[in-house]
Amino acid sequence: MKTELLAALNAARARKKRACLAKFLETHDALLIVDGDVIGGGTMPEELQEPVAAALRQDKSRAVDSSKGRVFLQVFNPPLRLIVVGAVHISQALAPMATIAGYEVAIVDPRRAFATDARFPDVRLVDDWPDEALERLAPDRRTAVVTLTHDPKLDDPALDIALKSEAFYVAALGSRRTHASRKERLSALGHNEAAFSRIHGPAGLDIGAVSPAEIAISVMAEMTQALRKAV
């Protein structure tokens, strides 16, 4: 790899940008695509746009054909992250599931009696107020945010920040009536219907989940769907 491309790739990874290195196997040329922008000179063949997007979306490097011959698309995605607001029973099930799926998990809850190492072993615990925690954690397009407390004082500040971010999945637990009230409160904070459409509420796919573990499964499934089917 050329020195300038390597430097650009390292810079993109440091900034947690999505990057794909396109290596043309016949000519030995290479292009670096960072968040849709081509770096290193040259242009990306039009027929590679969708394969590159799919490779990034699926976290899967692959070889594809192009007008310039066979191309290997090597994916360099930032880590997946899950920010959960509320150290509740559902979180206890969701955190290990997400960890197994490759997410870096953070549990945000200022209530230290709930957010304990005993209840959440090997999980990052953040006891700041949710808006302060979300500001510091800075959700990006590789981040999911799920609020589970049922307490507007905790959930709403987190949702306010999440909706201003590029988080690929924003979800909140609660009934449809609860969600309607939530929308009214968020509207007072300046959010509109376009923002509300991003909230998955009630959180999780409708699989008839009842127990905390089943609800965690439904949230994990919906989160995966949002990640893998995103444009």
Protein backbone atom coordinates (compact mmCIF):
# COMPACT_ATOMS: atom_id res chain seq x y z
CA MET A 1 0.00 0.00 0.00
CA LYS A 2 1.26 3.48 -0.84
CA THR A 3 2.49 5.52 2.10
CA GLU A 4 -0.10 8.26 1.58
CA LEU A 5 -2.96 5.74 1.48
CA LEU A 6 -1.71 4.06 4.64
CA ALA A 7 -1.51 7.43 6.38
CA ALA A 8 -5.02 8.32 5.22
CA LEU A 9 -6.34 4.94 6.38
CA ASN A 10 -4.74 5.32 9.80
CA ALA A 11 -6.18 8.83 10.08
CA ALA A 12 -9.66 7.59 9.14
CA ARG A 13 -9.51 4.81 11.71
CA ALA A 14 -8.32 7.25 14.39
CA ARG A 15 -11.35 9.45 13.62
CA LYS A 16 -13.61 6.37 13.67
CA LYS A 17 -14.59 6.84 10.04
CA ARG A 18 -15.87 4.01 7.86
CA ALA A 19 -13.23 3.09 5.29
CA CYS A 20 -12.91 0.63 2.45
CA LEU A 21 -9.66 -0.09 0.60
CA ALA A 22 -10.32 -1.11 -3.01
CA LYS A 23 -7.36 -3.06 -4.39
CA PHE A 24 -7.39 -3.69 -8.16
CA LEU A 25 -5.82 -7.11 -8.48
CA GLU A 26 -4.78 -6.86 -12.13
CA THR A 27 -3.25 -3.36 -12.14
CA HIS A 28 -2.18 -3.28 -8.44
CA ASP A 29 -3.76 0.16 -8.11
CA ALA A 30 -5.66 1.06 -4.96
CA LEU A 31 -8.32 3.51 -3.87
CA LEU A 32 -9.38 4.38 -0.35
CA ILE A 33 -13.03 5.26 0.21
CA VAL A 34 -13.70 7.09 3.49
CA ASP A 35 -17.34 7.87 4.25
CA GLY A 36 -18.07 7.92 0.52
CA ASP A 37 -15.13 10.13 -0.47
CA VAL A 38 -12.35 8.70 -2.67
CA ILE A 39 -8.85 9.38 -1.37
CA GLY A 40 -5.57 8.81 -3.18
CA GLY A 41 -6.39 9.99 -6.68
CA GLY A 42 -8.41 8.33 -9.39
CA THR A 43 -12.11 7.67 -9.46
CA MET A 44 -14.15 4.75 -8.27
CA PRO A 45 -15.94 2.87 -11.07
CA GLU A 46 -19.67 3.50 -10.78
CA GLU A 47 -20.40 -0.21 -10.58
CA LEU A 48 -18.37 -0.41 -7.34
CA GLN A 49 -20.52 2.05 -5.41
CA GLU A 50 -23.13 -0.47 -4.30
CA PRO A 51 -20.63 -3.30 -3.59
CA VAL A 52 -18.58 -0.91 -1.43
CA ALA A 53 -21.71 0.23 0.43
CA ALA A 54 -22.79 -3.39 0.94
CA ALA A 55 -19.35 -4.45 2.18
CA LEU A 56 -19.31 -1.62 4.72
CA ARG A 57 -22.89 -2.31 5.78
CA GLN A 58 -22.23 -6.02 6.30
CA ASP A 59 -18.74 -5.65 7.82
CA LYS A 60 -17.51 -8.13 5.25
CA SER A 61 -14.51 -7.79 2.92
CA ARG A 62 -14.98 -9.42 -0.48
CA ALA A 63 -13.71 -9.68 -4.07
CA VAL A 64 -15.94 -8.31 -6.85
CA ASP A 65 -15.72 -7.71 -10.59
CA SER A 66 -15.46 -4.25 -12.16
CA SER A 67 -14.74 -2.65 -15.51
CA LYS A 68 -11.11 -2.51 -14.37
CA GLY A 69 -10.96 -6.19 -13.49
CA ARG A 70 -11.20 -8.04 -10.20
CA VAL A 71 -11.21 -5.84 -7.09
CA PHE A 72 -10.74 -6.81 -3.47
CA LEU A 73 -12.74 -4.60 -1.10
CA GLN A 74 -11.16 -4.57 2.34
CA VAL A 75 -13.39 -3.14 5.05
CA PHE A 76 -12.11 -1.06 7.95
CA ASN A 77 -15.14 -0.19 10.05
CA PRO A 78 -15.05 1.47 13.49
CA PRO A 79 -16.15 -0.74 16.40
CA LEU A 80 -19.85 -1.26 16.95
CA ARG A 81 -21.08 0.31 20.18
CA LEU A 82 -24.22 -0.05 22.26
CA ILE A 83 -25.15 2.58 24.83
CA VAL A 84 -27.87 1.39 27.19
CA VAL A 85 -29.56 3.88 29.50
CA GLY A 86 -30.81 2.06 32.57
CA ALA A 87 -29.13 -0.63 34.65
CA VAL A 88 -32.29 -2.76 34.68
CA HIS A 89 -33.04 -6.46 34.29
CA ILE A 90 -33.37 -6.20 30.51
CA SER A 91 -29.94 -4.57 30.39
CA GLN A 92 -28.46 -7.50 32.30
CA ALA A 93 -29.58 -9.80 29.48
CA LEU A 94 -28.93 -7.39 26.62
CA ALA A 95 -25.34 -6.49 27.56
CA PRO A 96 -23.84 -10.00 27.22
CA MET A 97 -25.85 -10.66 24.03
CA ALA A 98 -24.50 -7.49 22.44
CA THR A 99 -20.97 -8.27 23.60
CA ILE A 100 -21.12 -11.69 21.94
CA ALA A 101 -22.35 -9.95 18.76
CA GLY A 102 -19.24 -7.74 18.76
CA TYR A 103 -20.50 -4.54 20.39
CA GLU A 104 -18.63 -2.44 22.92
CA VAL A 105 -21.29 -1.98 25.58
CA ALA A 106 -21.73 0.91 28.01
CA ILE A 107 -24.45 1.01 30.66
CA VAL A 108 -25.44 4.56 31.67
CA ASP A 109 -27.23 5.02 34.98
CA PRO A 110 -26.57 7.59 37.72
CA ARG A 111 -28.29 5.30 40.23
CA ARG A 112 -25.25 3.54 41.63
CA ALA A 113 -27.34 1.03 43.56
CA PHE A 114 -28.40 -0.41 40.19
CA ALA A 115 -25.23 0.05 38.14
CA THR A 116 -22.89 -2.28 40.02
CA ASP A 117 -20.07 -4.55 38.91
CA ALA A 118 -21.86 -7.46 40.55
CA ARG A 119 -24.90 -6.99 38.30
CA PHE A 120 -22.88 -6.10 35.19
CA PRO A 121 -19.56 -7.94 35.28
CA ASP A 122 -17.05 -6.91 32.60
CA VAL A 123 -19.33 -4.13 31.30
CA ARG A 124 -18.43 -0.44 31.20
CA LEU A 125 -20.58 1.44 33.71
CA VAL A 126 -21.12 5.19 33.43
CA ASP A 127 -22.75 6.94 36.40
CA ASP A 128 -23.03 10.39 34.82
CA TRP A 129 -26.42 11.93 34.11
CA PRO A 130 -27.57 10.52 30.71
CA ASP A 131 -27.22 13.73 28.69
CA GLU A 132 -23.70 14.28 30.05
CA ALA A 133 -22.80 10.64 29.39
CA LEU A 134 -24.16 10.71 25.83
CA GLU A 135 -22.33 13.94 25.08
CA ARG A 136 -19.08 12.35 26.23
CA LEU A 137 -19.69 9.00 24.51
CA ALA A 138 -20.57 10.84 21.26
CA PRO A 139 -22.77 8.31 19.40
CA ASP A 140 -21.84 7.91 15.74
CA ARG A 141 -23.27 5.92 12.83
CA ARG A 142 -21.81 2.72 14.33
CA THR A 143 -23.60 3.27 17.64
CA ALA A 144 -26.95 2.07 18.95
CA VAL A 145 -28.69 3.84 21.83
CA VAL A 146 -31.39 2.11 23.86
CA THR A 147 -33.24 3.67 26.80
CA LEU A 148 -34.86 1.27 29.24
CA THR A 149 -35.65 3.10 32.49
CA HIS A 150 -39.28 4.21 31.89
CA ASP A 151 -38.19 7.39 33.72
CA PRO A 152 -38.44 10.55 31.59
CA LYS A 153 -35.80 12.24 33.75
CA LEU A 154 -33.29 9.63 32.54
CA ASP A 155 -34.57 8.51 29.14
CA ASP A 156 -35.49 11.90 27.64
CA PRO A 157 -32.07 13.58 28.05
CA ALA A 158 -30.41 10.56 26.43
CA LEU A 159 -32.89 10.50 23.55
CA ASP A 160 -32.42 14.24 23.05
CA ILE A 161 -28.69 13.74 22.45
CA ALA A 162 -29.11 10.49 20.50
CA LEU A 163 -31.52 12.11 18.03
CA LYS A 164 -28.97 14.84 17.34
CA SER A 165 -26.36 12.21 16.51
CA GLU A 166 -25.87 9.77 13.62
CA ALA A 167 -26.67 6.73 15.78
CA PHE A 168 -27.95 3.98 13.48
CA TYR A 169 -30.47 2.71 16.03
CA VAL A 170 -32.34 4.68 18.68
CA ALA A 171 -34.91 2.82 20.76
CA ALA A 172 -36.96 3.39 23.89
CA LEU A 173 -38.88 0.94 26.03
CA GLY A 174 -42.51 1.62 26.80
CA SER A 175 -46.05 1.26 25.51
CA ARG A 176 -47.45 3.17 22.56
CA ARG A 177 -49.20 5.52 25.01
CA THR A 178 -45.88 6.08 26.78
CA HIS A 179 -44.25 6.75 23.43
CA ALA A 180 -46.90 9.33 22.54
CA SER A 181 -46.18 11.20 25.76
CA ARG A 182 -42.48 10.93 25.07
CA LYS A 183 -42.94 12.56 21.68
CA GLU A 184 -44.73 15.50 23.28
CA ARG A 185 -41.84 16.04 25.70
CA LEU A 186 -39.20 15.73 22.96
CA SER A 187 -41.20 18.11 20.78
CA ALA A 188 -40.80 20.70 23.54
CA LEU A 189 -37.03 20.16 23.21
CA GLY A 190 -37.18 21.04 19.52
CA HIS A 191 -37.51 17.64 17.85
CA ASN A 192 -39.92 17.05 14.97
CA GLU A 193 -41.64 14.15 13.24
CA ALA A 194 -38.52 13.35 11.21
CA ALA A 195 -36.66 12.82 14.48
CA PHE A 196 -39.51 10.84 16.02
CA SER A 197 -39.49 8.48 13.03
CA ARG A 198 -35.98 7.43 14.05
CA ILE A 199 -37.13 6.19 17.46
CA HIS A 200 -38.00 2.51 17.65
CA GLY A 201 -40.68 2.56 20.28
CA PRO A 202 -41.69 0.31 21.82
CA ALA A 203 -38.13 -1.03 21.51
CA GLY A 204 -37.64 -4.40 19.86
CA LEU A 205 -39.32 -6.51 17.21
CA ASP A 206 -42.85 -7.63 17.99
CA ILE A 207 -42.18 -11.29 18.83
CA GLY A 208 -44.50 -11.48 21.83
CA ALA A 209 -41.62 -11.07 24.26
CA VAL A 210 -42.56 -11.14 27.95
CA SER A 211 -39.52 -11.80 30.13
CA PRO A 212 -36.49 -9.47 30.37
CA ALA A 213 -34.39 -11.95 28.39
CA GLU A 214 -37.02 -12.23 25.65
CA ILE A 215 -37.30 -8.45 25.41
CA ALA A 216 -33.51 -8.26 25.16
CA ILE A 217 -33.65 -10.75 22.28
CA SER A 218 -36.26 -8.65 20.49
CA VAL A 219 -34.15 -5.50 20.91
CA MET A 220 -31.03 -7.29 19.72
CA ALA A 221 -32.89 -8.56 16.66
CA GLU A 222 -34.28 -5.14 15.75
CA MET A 223 -30.89 -3.54 16.29
CA THR A 224 -29.29 -6.09 13.96
CA GLN A 225 -31.98 -5.47 11.37
CA ALA A 226 -31.35 -1.71 11.53
CA LEU A 227 -27.60 -2.22 11.19
CA ARG A 228 -27.57 -4.69 8.34
CA LYS A 229 -30.42 -3.23 6.30
CA ALA A 230 -29.31 0.38 6.67
CA VAL A 231 -28.47 2.30 3.53
